[in-house]
Amino acid sequence: MTAYRTQRAIRFSDCDPSGIAYFPAYVNMLVGVVEDFCAAIGAPWRDMIQTRRIGLPTVQLDVTFSAPGMLGDVLDWEVRVLKIGRSSVALEHTISRDDTRLWNATQVLVATTLDTHKAIALPDDLRAMLTRQLEPHHA
């Protein structure tokens, strides 16, 4: 399966006074991209949270910054499913501008019940949706 792709613009509110993207804004963008990714594969957060009472909190986030993003840049975002565990999914994010990689991240999300906030096994339908996105060399 190919990576999920989307774009995000760096806005004024995402920058420090010098016009460089501020890293907490990147994390906020990452959350929005994951929400869009889930919707694209058939698991919209509204349904997951409000109807099914399932959360997907981040339990690990490893980020490497390579080059600065600037006000007005349009970021090309790729998300790949690296690994699916009993309760977890590992995602790889690659963020670039034109042909320049700005940063990348590996993120681990864990399925939880919103009633007790304890980890649960990934529901079968969500597991199937994620498995269809799994990178072939990681299957």
N, C-alpha and C. Protein backbone atom coordinates (compact mmCIF):
# COMPACT_ATOMS: atom_id res chain seq x y z
N MET A 1 0.84 -1.18 0.00
CA MET A 1 0.00 0.00 0.00
C MET A 1 0.88 1.25 0.00
N THR A 2 0.45 2.25 -0.69
CA THR A 2 1.21 3.49 -0.69
C THR A 2 0.89 4.31 0.56
N ALA A 3 1.74 5.23 0.83
CA ALA A 3 1.57 6.08 2.01
C ALA A 3 0.35 6.97 1.86
N TYR A 4 -0.26 7.32 2.99
CA TYR A 4 -1.29 8.34 3.01
C TYR A 4 -0.58 9.68 2.84
N ARG A 5 -1.08 10.51 1.94
CA ARG A 5 -0.44 11.80 1.67
C ARG A 5 -1.44 12.93 1.86
N THR A 6 -0.93 14.02 2.41
CA THR A 6 -1.72 15.23 2.57
C THR A 6 -0.77 16.41 2.63
N GLN A 7 -1.33 17.59 2.70
CA GLN A 7 -0.51 18.79 2.82
C GLN A 7 -1.04 19.66 3.95
N ARG A 8 -0.14 20.41 4.54
CA ARG A 8 -0.47 21.39 5.56
C ARG A 8 0.37 22.63 5.33
N ALA A 9 -0.24 23.80 5.44
CA ALA A 9 0.50 25.06 5.31
C ALA A 9 0.95 25.52 6.68
N ILE A 10 2.13 26.10 6.75
CA ILE A 10 2.60 26.71 7.98
C ILE A 10 2.01 28.11 8.04
N ARG A 11 1.20 28.34 9.05
CA ARG A 11 0.51 29.62 9.23
C ARG A 11 1.25 30.50 10.24
N PHE A 12 0.88 31.75 10.26
CA PHE A 12 1.47 32.71 11.20
C PHE A 12 1.41 32.19 12.63
N SER A 13 0.28 31.61 13.01
CA SER A 13 0.12 31.12 14.39
C SER A 13 1.00 29.91 14.70
N ASP A 14 1.60 29.31 13.68
CA ASP A 14 2.48 28.15 13.86
C ASP A 14 3.94 28.54 14.07
N CYS A 15 4.23 29.84 14.01
CA CYS A 15 5.63 30.30 13.96
C CYS A 15 6.04 31.08 15.20
N ASP A 16 7.36 31.07 15.42
CA ASP A 16 7.93 31.95 16.43
C ASP A 16 8.10 33.34 15.80
N PRO A 17 8.56 34.33 16.55
CA PRO A 17 8.66 35.69 16.00
C PRO A 17 9.55 35.82 14.76
N SER A 18 10.47 34.87 14.55
CA SER A 18 11.34 34.96 13.38
C SER A 18 10.73 34.34 12.13
N GLY A 19 9.53 33.75 12.25
CA GLY A 19 8.87 33.14 11.10
C GLY A 19 9.20 31.67 10.90
N ILE A 20 9.90 31.07 11.85
CA ILE A 20 10.22 29.65 11.79
C ILE A 20 9.13 28.87 12.52
N ALA A 21 8.72 27.75 11.92
CA ALA A 21 7.68 26.92 12.54
C ALA A 21 8.14 26.47 13.93
N TYR A 22 7.25 26.63 14.87
CA TYR A 22 7.49 26.30 16.27
C TYR A 22 7.14 24.84 16.48
N PHE A 23 8.01 24.04 17.11
CA PHE A 23 7.81 22.60 17.17
C PHE A 23 6.49 22.17 17.80
N PRO A 24 5.92 22.86 18.81
CA PRO A 24 4.61 22.43 19.29
C PRO A 24 3.52 22.52 18.22
N ALA A 25 3.66 23.47 17.30
CA ALA A 25 2.70 23.57 16.20
C ALA A 25 2.81 22.34 15.30
N TYR A 26 4.02 21.85 15.11
CA TYR A 26 4.20 20.63 14.32
C TYR A 26 3.47 19.45 14.97
N VAL A 27 3.55 19.35 16.29
CA VAL A 27 2.87 18.25 16.98
C VAL A 27 1.36 18.40 16.81
N ASN A 28 0.86 19.61 16.89
CA ASN A 28 -0.56 19.84 16.67
C ASN A 28 -0.96 19.44 15.24
N MET A 29 -0.12 19.77 14.25
CA MET A 29 -0.38 19.35 12.88
C MET A 29 -0.41 17.83 12.78
N LEU A 30 0.54 17.18 13.46
CA LEU A 30 0.62 15.72 13.43
C LEU A 30 -0.68 15.10 13.92
N VAL A 31 -1.24 15.63 15.00
CA VAL A 31 -2.51 15.11 15.52
C VAL A 31 -3.61 15.26 14.47
N GLY A 32 -3.67 16.41 13.80
CA GLY A 32 -4.67 16.62 12.76
C GLY A 32 -4.49 15.68 11.58
N VAL A 33 -3.25 15.42 11.20
CA VAL A 33 -2.98 14.50 10.10
C VAL A 33 -3.40 13.08 10.48
N VAL A 34 -3.12 12.66 11.71
CA VAL A 34 -3.55 11.32 12.14
C VAL A 34 -5.07 11.23 12.14
N GLU A 35 -5.74 12.28 12.58
CA GLU A 35 -7.21 12.28 12.55
C GLU A 35 -7.71 12.15 11.10
N ASP A 36 -7.10 12.87 10.17
CA ASP A 36 -7.49 12.77 8.76
C ASP A 36 -7.17 11.40 8.19
N PHE A 37 -6.02 10.84 8.56
CA PHE A 37 -5.64 9.49 8.11
C PHE A 37 -6.68 8.48 8.57
N CYS A 38 -7.07 8.55 9.84
CA CYS A 38 -8.07 7.61 10.36
C CYS A 38 -9.39 7.73 9.60
N ALA A 39 -9.81 8.96 9.32
CA ALA A 39 -11.04 9.17 8.55
C ALA A 39 -10.89 8.57 7.14
N ALA A 40 -9.73 8.75 6.53
CA ALA A 40 -9.50 8.27 5.17
C ALA A 40 -9.55 6.75 5.08
N ILE A 41 -9.16 6.05 6.14
CA ILE A 41 -9.19 4.58 6.09
C ILE A 41 -10.51 4.02 6.58
N GLY A 42 -11.43 4.90 7.03
CA GLY A 42 -12.76 4.44 7.43
C GLY A 42 -13.02 4.43 8.92
N ALA A 43 -12.15 5.09 9.70
CA ALA A 43 -12.30 5.12 11.16
C ALA A 43 -12.30 6.55 11.66
N PRO A 44 -13.34 7.33 11.32
CA PRO A 44 -13.36 8.74 11.76
C PRO A 44 -13.38 8.84 13.29
N TRP A 45 -12.60 9.79 13.80
CA TRP A 45 -12.49 9.94 15.25
C TRP A 45 -13.83 10.23 15.92
N ARG A 46 -14.68 10.98 15.25
CA ARG A 46 -15.98 11.29 15.87
C ARG A 46 -16.72 10.00 16.22
N ASP A 47 -16.73 9.05 15.30
CA ASP A 47 -17.38 7.76 15.56
C ASP A 47 -16.62 6.99 16.62
N MET A 48 -15.29 6.96 16.49
CA MET A 48 -14.47 6.21 17.44
C MET A 48 -14.68 6.74 18.86
N ILE A 49 -14.68 8.06 19.02
CA ILE A 49 -14.75 8.66 20.35
C ILE A 49 -16.17 8.72 20.88
N GLN A 50 -17.09 9.27 20.11
CA GLN A 50 -18.43 9.51 20.63
C GLN A 50 -19.31 8.26 20.64
N THR A 51 -19.20 7.43 19.63
CA THR A 51 -20.07 6.26 19.53
C THR A 51 -19.43 5.02 20.15
N ARG A 52 -18.20 4.74 19.74
CA ARG A 52 -17.55 3.49 20.17
C ARG A 52 -16.77 3.63 21.46
N ARG A 53 -16.51 4.87 21.90
CA ARG A 53 -15.79 5.15 23.15
C ARG A 53 -14.38 4.56 23.12
N ILE A 54 -13.73 4.69 21.96
CA ILE A 54 -12.37 4.20 21.77
C ILE A 54 -11.46 5.41 21.53
N GLY A 55 -10.36 5.46 22.26
CA GLY A 55 -9.35 6.48 22.06
C GLY A 55 -8.12 5.88 21.42
N LEU A 56 -7.30 6.73 20.81
CA LEU A 56 -6.03 6.31 20.23
C LEU A 56 -4.94 7.29 20.69
N PRO A 57 -4.65 7.32 21.98
CA PRO A 57 -3.64 8.26 22.46
C PRO A 57 -2.23 7.86 22.00
N THR A 58 -1.40 8.86 21.86
CA THR A 58 0.00 8.64 21.54
C THR A 58 0.73 8.24 22.81
N VAL A 59 1.47 7.14 22.75
CA VAL A 59 2.25 6.70 23.90
C VAL A 59 3.75 6.84 23.67
N GLN A 60 4.12 7.04 22.40
CA GLN A 60 5.53 7.27 22.09
C GLN A 60 5.59 8.13 20.85
N LEU A 61 6.50 9.11 20.88
CA LEU A 61 6.70 9.99 19.74
C LEU A 61 8.18 10.33 19.66
N ASP A 62 8.82 9.88 18.59
CA ASP A 62 10.24 10.16 18.36
C ASP A 62 10.32 11.07 17.13
N VAL A 63 10.92 12.23 17.31
CA VAL A 63 10.97 13.24 16.25
C VAL A 63 12.41 13.63 15.96
N THR A 64 12.72 13.77 14.68
CA THR A 64 14.02 14.28 14.25
C THR A 64 13.78 15.44 13.30
N PHE A 65 14.34 16.60 13.65
CA PHE A 65 14.22 17.79 12.81
C PHE A 65 15.47 17.90 11.96
N SER A 66 15.27 18.16 10.65
CA SER A 66 16.38 18.22 9.71
C SER A 66 16.60 19.61 9.13
N ALA A 67 15.51 20.36 8.95
CA ALA A 67 15.61 21.70 8.36
C ALA A 67 14.41 22.50 8.84
N PRO A 68 14.54 23.83 8.91
CA PRO A 68 13.42 24.63 9.41
C PRO A 68 12.31 24.79 8.36
N GLY A 69 11.09 24.82 8.87
CA GLY A 69 9.94 25.19 8.06
C GLY A 69 9.65 26.66 8.33
N MET A 70 9.20 27.36 7.31
CA MET A 70 9.01 28.80 7.42
C MET A 70 7.56 29.18 7.14
N LEU A 71 7.17 30.31 7.67
CA LEU A 71 5.85 30.86 7.43
C LEU A 71 5.51 30.82 5.94
N GLY A 72 4.36 30.23 5.62
CA GLY A 72 3.91 30.14 4.24
C GLY A 72 4.30 28.87 3.52
N ASP A 73 5.25 28.11 4.06
CA ASP A 73 5.62 26.84 3.42
C ASP A 73 4.42 25.90 3.39
N VAL A 74 4.31 25.15 2.32
CA VAL A 74 3.32 24.08 2.24
C VAL A 74 4.07 22.77 2.45
N LEU A 75 3.68 22.06 3.49
CA LEU A 75 4.35 20.83 3.86
C LEU A 75 3.69 19.63 3.19
N ASP A 76 4.50 18.78 2.60
CA ASP A 76 4.03 17.51 2.06
C ASP A 76 4.21 16.47 3.16
N TRP A 77 3.13 15.79 3.49
CA TRP A 77 3.09 14.88 4.63
C TRP A 77 2.81 13.48 4.14
N GLU A 78 3.61 12.51 4.55
CA GLU A 78 3.37 11.10 4.25
C GLU A 78 3.25 10.34 5.57
N VAL A 79 2.25 9.47 5.65
CA VAL A 79 2.04 8.63 6.82
C VAL A 79 2.05 7.18 6.36
N ARG A 80 2.86 6.38 7.03
CA ARG A 80 2.93 4.95 6.73
C ARG A 80 2.67 4.15 8.01
N VAL A 81 1.96 3.04 7.87
CA VAL A 81 1.77 2.12 8.98
C VAL A 81 2.96 1.18 8.98
N LEU A 82 3.71 1.19 10.08
CA LEU A 82 4.92 0.37 10.19
C LEU A 82 4.66 -0.98 10.85
N LYS A 83 3.83 -0.97 11.90
CA LYS A 83 3.65 -2.19 12.70
C LYS A 83 2.30 -2.12 13.40
N ILE A 84 1.66 -3.26 13.51
CA ILE A 84 0.39 -3.37 14.23
C ILE A 84 0.58 -4.42 15.32
N GLY A 85 0.34 -4.01 16.56
CA GLY A 85 0.42 -4.93 17.68
C GLY A 85 -0.97 -5.32 18.16
N ARG A 86 -1.06 -5.92 19.32
CA ARG A 86 -2.36 -6.33 19.86
C ARG A 86 -3.24 -5.11 20.12
N SER A 87 -2.65 -4.09 20.74
CA SER A 87 -3.39 -2.88 21.09
C SER A 87 -2.84 -1.63 20.40
N SER A 88 -1.74 -1.76 19.70
CA SER A 88 -1.02 -0.58 19.22
C SER A 88 -0.81 -0.58 17.72
N VAL A 89 -0.50 0.61 17.22
CA VAL A 89 -0.10 0.78 15.83
C VAL A 89 1.04 1.79 15.80
N ALA A 90 2.07 1.48 15.03
CA ALA A 90 3.21 2.38 14.86
C ALA A 90 3.10 3.04 13.49
N LEU A 91 3.19 4.36 13.48
CA LEU A 91 3.13 5.15 12.26
C LEU A 91 4.45 5.86 12.04
N GLU A 92 4.79 6.04 10.78
CA GLU A 92 5.95 6.83 10.40
C GLU A 92 5.46 8.03 9.62
N HIS A 93 5.88 9.21 10.03
CA HIS A 93 5.54 10.47 9.36
C HIS A 93 6.80 11.03 8.71
N THR A 94 6.68 11.42 7.45
CA THR A 94 7.77 12.10 6.76
C THR A 94 7.21 13.42 6.26
N ILE A 95 7.85 14.51 6.65
CA ILE A 95 7.35 15.84 6.35
C ILE A 95 8.43 16.58 5.56
N SER A 96 8.03 17.07 4.37
CA SER A 96 9.00 17.75 3.52
C SER A 96 8.38 18.98 2.86
N ARG A 97 9.24 19.79 2.33
CA ARG A 97 8.85 20.95 1.53
C ARG A 97 9.63 20.82 0.23
N ASP A 98 8.89 20.74 -0.88
CA ASP A 98 9.52 20.46 -2.17
C ASP A 98 10.31 19.17 -2.02
N ASP A 99 11.60 19.18 -2.25
CA ASP A 99 12.39 17.95 -2.11
C ASP A 99 13.23 17.94 -0.84
N THR A 100 12.93 18.83 0.09
CA THR A 100 13.72 18.93 1.32
C THR A 100 12.95 18.34 2.49
N ARG A 101 13.53 17.33 3.11
CA ARG A 101 12.91 16.77 4.32
C ARG A 101 13.12 17.74 5.46
N LEU A 102 12.02 18.11 6.12
CA LEU A 102 12.10 19.03 7.25
C LEU A 102 12.17 18.28 8.57
N TRP A 103 11.35 17.23 8.67
CA TRP A 103 11.38 16.43 9.89
C TRP A 103 10.67 15.11 9.64
N ASN A 104 10.92 14.17 10.52
CA ASN A 104 10.21 12.90 10.47
C ASN A 104 9.94 12.45 11.89
N ALA A 105 8.95 11.60 12.02
CA ALA A 105 8.56 11.12 13.34
C ALA A 105 8.07 9.69 13.26
N THR A 106 8.32 8.96 14.32
CA THR A 106 7.72 7.65 14.53
C THR A 106 6.81 7.80 15.74
N GLN A 107 5.57 7.37 15.56
CA GLN A 107 4.54 7.56 16.58
C GLN A 107 3.88 6.22 16.87
N VAL A 108 3.68 5.93 18.15
CA VAL A 108 2.95 4.73 18.55
C VAL A 108 1.67 5.17 19.24
N LEU A 109 0.55 4.65 18.72
CA LEU A 109 -0.77 4.91 19.28
C LEU A 109 -1.28 3.62 19.91
N VAL A 110 -2.03 3.74 20.99
CA VAL A 110 -2.60 2.57 21.66
C VAL A 110 -4.11 2.74 21.76
N ALA A 111 -4.83 1.69 21.41
CA ALA A 111 -6.29 1.71 21.55
C ALA A 111 -6.65 1.62 23.03
N THR A 112 -7.55 2.48 23.46
CA THR A 112 -8.01 2.46 24.84
C THR A 112 -9.53 2.57 24.88
N THR A 113 -10.11 2.13 25.96
CA THR A 113 -11.51 2.40 26.19
C THR A 113 -11.59 3.74 26.91
N LEU A 114 -12.48 4.60 26.47
CA LEU A 114 -12.60 5.90 27.10
C LEU A 114 -13.35 5.83 28.42
N ASP A 115 -13.88 4.68 28.75
CA ASP A 115 -14.57 4.51 30.02
C ASP A 115 -13.60 4.34 31.18
N THR A 116 -12.49 3.59 30.94
CA THR A 116 -11.51 3.36 32.00
C THR A 116 -10.11 3.86 31.64
N HIS A 117 -9.91 4.25 30.38
CA HIS A 117 -8.62 4.70 29.86
C HIS A 117 -7.56 3.61 29.93
N LYS A 118 -8.00 2.37 29.88
CA LYS A 118 -7.09 1.22 29.84
C LYS A 118 -6.94 0.74 28.41
N ALA A 119 -5.79 0.16 28.10
CA ALA A 119 -5.54 -0.39 26.77
C ALA A 119 -6.51 -1.53 26.49
N ILE A 120 -6.93 -1.61 25.23
CA ILE A 120 -7.79 -2.70 24.76
C ILE A 120 -7.19 -3.24 23.46
N ALA A 121 -7.59 -4.43 23.10
CA ALA A 121 -7.18 -4.97 21.80
C ALA A 121 -7.79 -4.10 20.70
N LEU A 122 -7.03 -3.90 19.64
CA LEU A 122 -7.58 -3.17 18.50
C LEU A 122 -8.82 -3.92 18.02
N PRO A 123 -9.95 -3.22 17.86
CA PRO A 123 -11.13 -3.89 17.33
C PRO A 123 -10.83 -4.49 15.95
N ASP A 124 -11.47 -5.61 15.64
CA ASP A 124 -11.18 -6.34 14.40
C ASP A 124 -11.31 -5.46 13.16
N ASP A 125 -12.35 -4.62 13.11
CA ASP A 125 -12.53 -3.78 11.91
C ASP A 125 -11.42 -2.75 11.79
N LEU A 126 -11.01 -2.16 12.89
CA LEU A 126 -9.92 -1.18 12.86
C LEU A 126 -8.61 -1.87 12.50
N ARG A 127 -8.38 -3.04 13.04
CA ARG A 127 -7.18 -3.82 12.70
C ARG A 127 -7.15 -4.09 11.20
N ALA A 128 -8.29 -4.48 10.63
CA ALA A 128 -8.36 -4.76 9.19
C ALA A 128 -8.07 -3.50 8.38
N MET A 129 -8.61 -2.36 8.80
CA MET A 129 -8.36 -1.10 8.09
C MET A 129 -6.88 -0.75 8.11
N LEU A 130 -6.26 -0.90 9.27
CA LEU A 130 -4.84 -0.60 9.41
C LEU A 130 -3.97 -1.59 8.64
N THR A 131 -4.37 -2.86 8.66
CA THR A 131 -3.60 -3.89 7.96
C THR A 131 -3.56 -3.62 6.47
N ARG A 132 -4.65 -3.11 5.90
CA ARG A 132 -4.65 -2.76 4.48
C ARG A 132 -3.65 -1.65 4.17
N GLN A 133 -3.28 -0.87 5.17
CA GLN A 133 -2.33 0.24 4.99
C GLN A 133 -0.90 -0.15 5.33
N LEU A 134 -0.71 -1.33 5.88
CA LEU A 134 0.61 -1.76 6.36
C LEU A 134 1.60 -1.80 5.21
N GLU A 135 2.75 -1.23 5.42
CA GLU A 135 3.81 -1.24 4.42
C GLU A 135 4.19 -2.70 4.14
N PRO A 136 4.31 -3.09 2.87
CA PRO A 136 4.58 -4.49 2.52
C PRO A 136 5.81 -5.07 3.21
N HIS A 137 6.90 -4.31 3.34
CA HIS A 137 8.11 -4.84 3.96
C HIS A 137 7.98 -4.97 5.47
N HIS A 138 6.84 -4.49 6.03
CA HIS A 138 6.60 -4.64 7.46
C HIS A 138 5.52 -5.66 7.76
N ALA A 139 4.89 -6.21 6.73
CA ALA A 139 3.79 -7.16 6.92
C ALA A 139 4.30 -8.50 7.40
